[in-house]
C-alpha cells in the first residue's frame, strides 16, 4: 500500500512537470496517526523532460542509481524513477539495501 502511494505521488509530480531524482526512504515521512505520507527534499529535482530526453547529471543516492546511468552516464526520468521505486520496495520489504 505504501509503495502505491509513493507511485501516485511520483505520477502527480511528473504531471506537474517535476522529476524528484532522489527517492529514498529518508525522503518519505509517514504520520502513523493520520496515515498520511509526505515526499520531501526536492533539492535534486529537475524539470521533467519528455520521455525521449535524457539527463546526464546524476543527483541522488548512489544505492538507488539506475543501470542506465551506471552504463551510459545518462537516463530518462520515468524509467529511472521506476527503477528507484523497485529498489525502495525491496528496501521496505527486506529492511536492507539491495546493493
Protein backbone atom coordinates (compact mmCIF):
# COMPACT_ATOMS: atom_id res chain seq x y z
CA UNK A 1 0.00 0.00 0.00
CA UNK A 2 2.76 2.46 0.91
CA UNK A 3 4.59 1.92 -2.40
CA UNK A 4 1.30 2.59 -4.24
CA UNK A 5 1.02 5.98 -2.57
CA UNK A 6 4.63 6.81 -3.40
CA UNK A 7 3.98 5.79 -7.01
CA UNK A 8 0.92 8.07 -7.15
CA UNK A 9 2.93 10.95 -5.71
CA UNK A 10 5.60 10.42 -8.40
CA UNK A 11 2.92 10.33 -11.08
CA UNK A 12 1.41 13.54 -9.71
CA UNK A 13 4.71 15.42 -9.72
CA UNK A 14 5.52 14.13 -13.25
CA UNK A 15 2.23 15.61 -14.39
CA UNK A 16 3.21 18.88 -12.72
CA UNK A 17 6.46 18.85 -14.70
CA UNK A 18 8.91 17.71 -11.99
CA UNK A 19 11.06 14.62 -11.53
CA UNK A 20 12.27 14.08 -7.94
CA UNK A 21 15.57 12.24 -8.69
CA UNK A 22 16.33 11.38 -5.05
CA UNK A 23 13.62 8.96 -3.94
CA UNK A 24 14.72 7.04 -0.86
CA UNK A 25 13.28 6.04 2.47
CA UNK A 26 14.88 9.03 4.20
CA UNK A 27 12.85 11.36 1.96
CA UNK A 28 9.49 9.83 2.85
CA UNK A 29 7.75 10.97 6.01
CA UNK A 30 4.87 8.89 7.35
CA UNK A 31 2.45 10.00 10.03
CA UNK A 32 1.16 6.77 11.56
CA UNK A 33 -1.69 8.53 13.38
CA UNK A 34 -3.21 10.07 10.26
CA UNK A 35 -1.76 7.51 7.83
CA UNK A 36 -0.52 10.34 5.64
CA UNK A 37 2.69 10.39 3.64
CA UNK A 38 4.86 13.32 2.52
CA UNK A 39 7.68 13.24 -0.02
CA UNK A 40 10.41 15.70 0.96
CA UNK A 41 13.78 17.02 -0.24
CA UNK A 42 13.28 18.26 -3.76
CA UNK A 43 16.82 19.65 -3.83
CA UNK A 44 17.88 17.18 -6.52
CA UNK A 45 14.68 17.52 -8.54
CA UNK A 46 14.56 18.78 -12.11
CA UNK A 47 12.07 19.91 -14.68
CA UNK A 48 10.60 16.77 -16.23
CA UNK A 49 11.76 16.38 -19.81
CA UNK A 50 9.96 14.33 -22.41
CA UNK A 51 10.19 10.55 -22.32
CA UNK A 52 12.85 10.69 -25.05
CA UNK A 53 15.03 13.34 -23.39
CA UNK A 54 17.98 12.33 -21.26
CA UNK A 55 19.51 13.64 -18.04
CA UNK A 56 23.29 13.35 -17.95
CA UNK A 57 23.84 14.58 -14.42
CA UNK A 58 23.17 12.26 -11.51
CA UNK A 59 21.65 13.73 -8.38
CA UNK A 60 20.65 11.39 -5.63
CA UNK A 61 21.86 8.48 -3.57
CA UNK A 62 24.23 6.03 -5.24
CA UNK A 63 22.44 2.92 -3.92
CA UNK A 64 19.37 3.95 -5.94
CA UNK A 65 21.26 4.76 -9.15
CA UNK A 66 19.62 3.27 -12.26
CA UNK A 67 21.50 0.86 -14.55
CA UNK A 68 21.12 3.30 -17.46
CA UNK A 69 23.18 5.88 -15.65
CA UNK A 70 25.79 3.36 -14.49
CA UNK A 71 26.32 2.02 -18.03
CA UNK A 72 25.68 5.07 -20.25
CA UNK A 73 26.01 8.04 -17.85
CA UNK A 74 22.55 9.21 -18.92
CA UNK A 75 18.97 8.33 -18.04
CA UNK A 76 15.37 9.32 -18.62
CA UNK A 77 13.07 10.45 -15.82
CA UNK A 78 10.29 7.86 -15.78
CA UNK A 79 12.30 4.62 -16.21
CA UNK A 80 14.86 5.79 -13.67
CA UNK A 81 12.08 6.59 -11.20
CA UNK A 82 10.51 3.15 -11.77
CA UNK A 83 13.91 1.55 -11.05
CA UNK A 84 14.23 3.59 -7.86
CA UNK A 85 10.72 2.59 -6.77
CA UNK A 86 11.75 -1.06 -7.20
CA UNK A 87 14.85 -0.57 -5.08
CA UNK A 88 12.77 1.29 -2.50
CA UNK A 89 10.21 -1.54 -2.40
CA UNK A 90 12.99 -4.09 -1.84
CA UNK A 91 14.40 -1.91 0.95
CA UNK A 92 10.99 -1.66 2.63
CA UNK A 93 10.26 -5.39 2.42
CA UNK A 94 13.70 -6.73 3.34
CA UNK A 95 14.78 -3.84 5.59
CA UNK A 96 18.18 -3.72 3.87
CA UNK A 97 19.70 -2.27 0.71
CA UNK A 98 19.63 -4.45 -2.36
CA UNK A 99 23.09 -3.26 -3.42
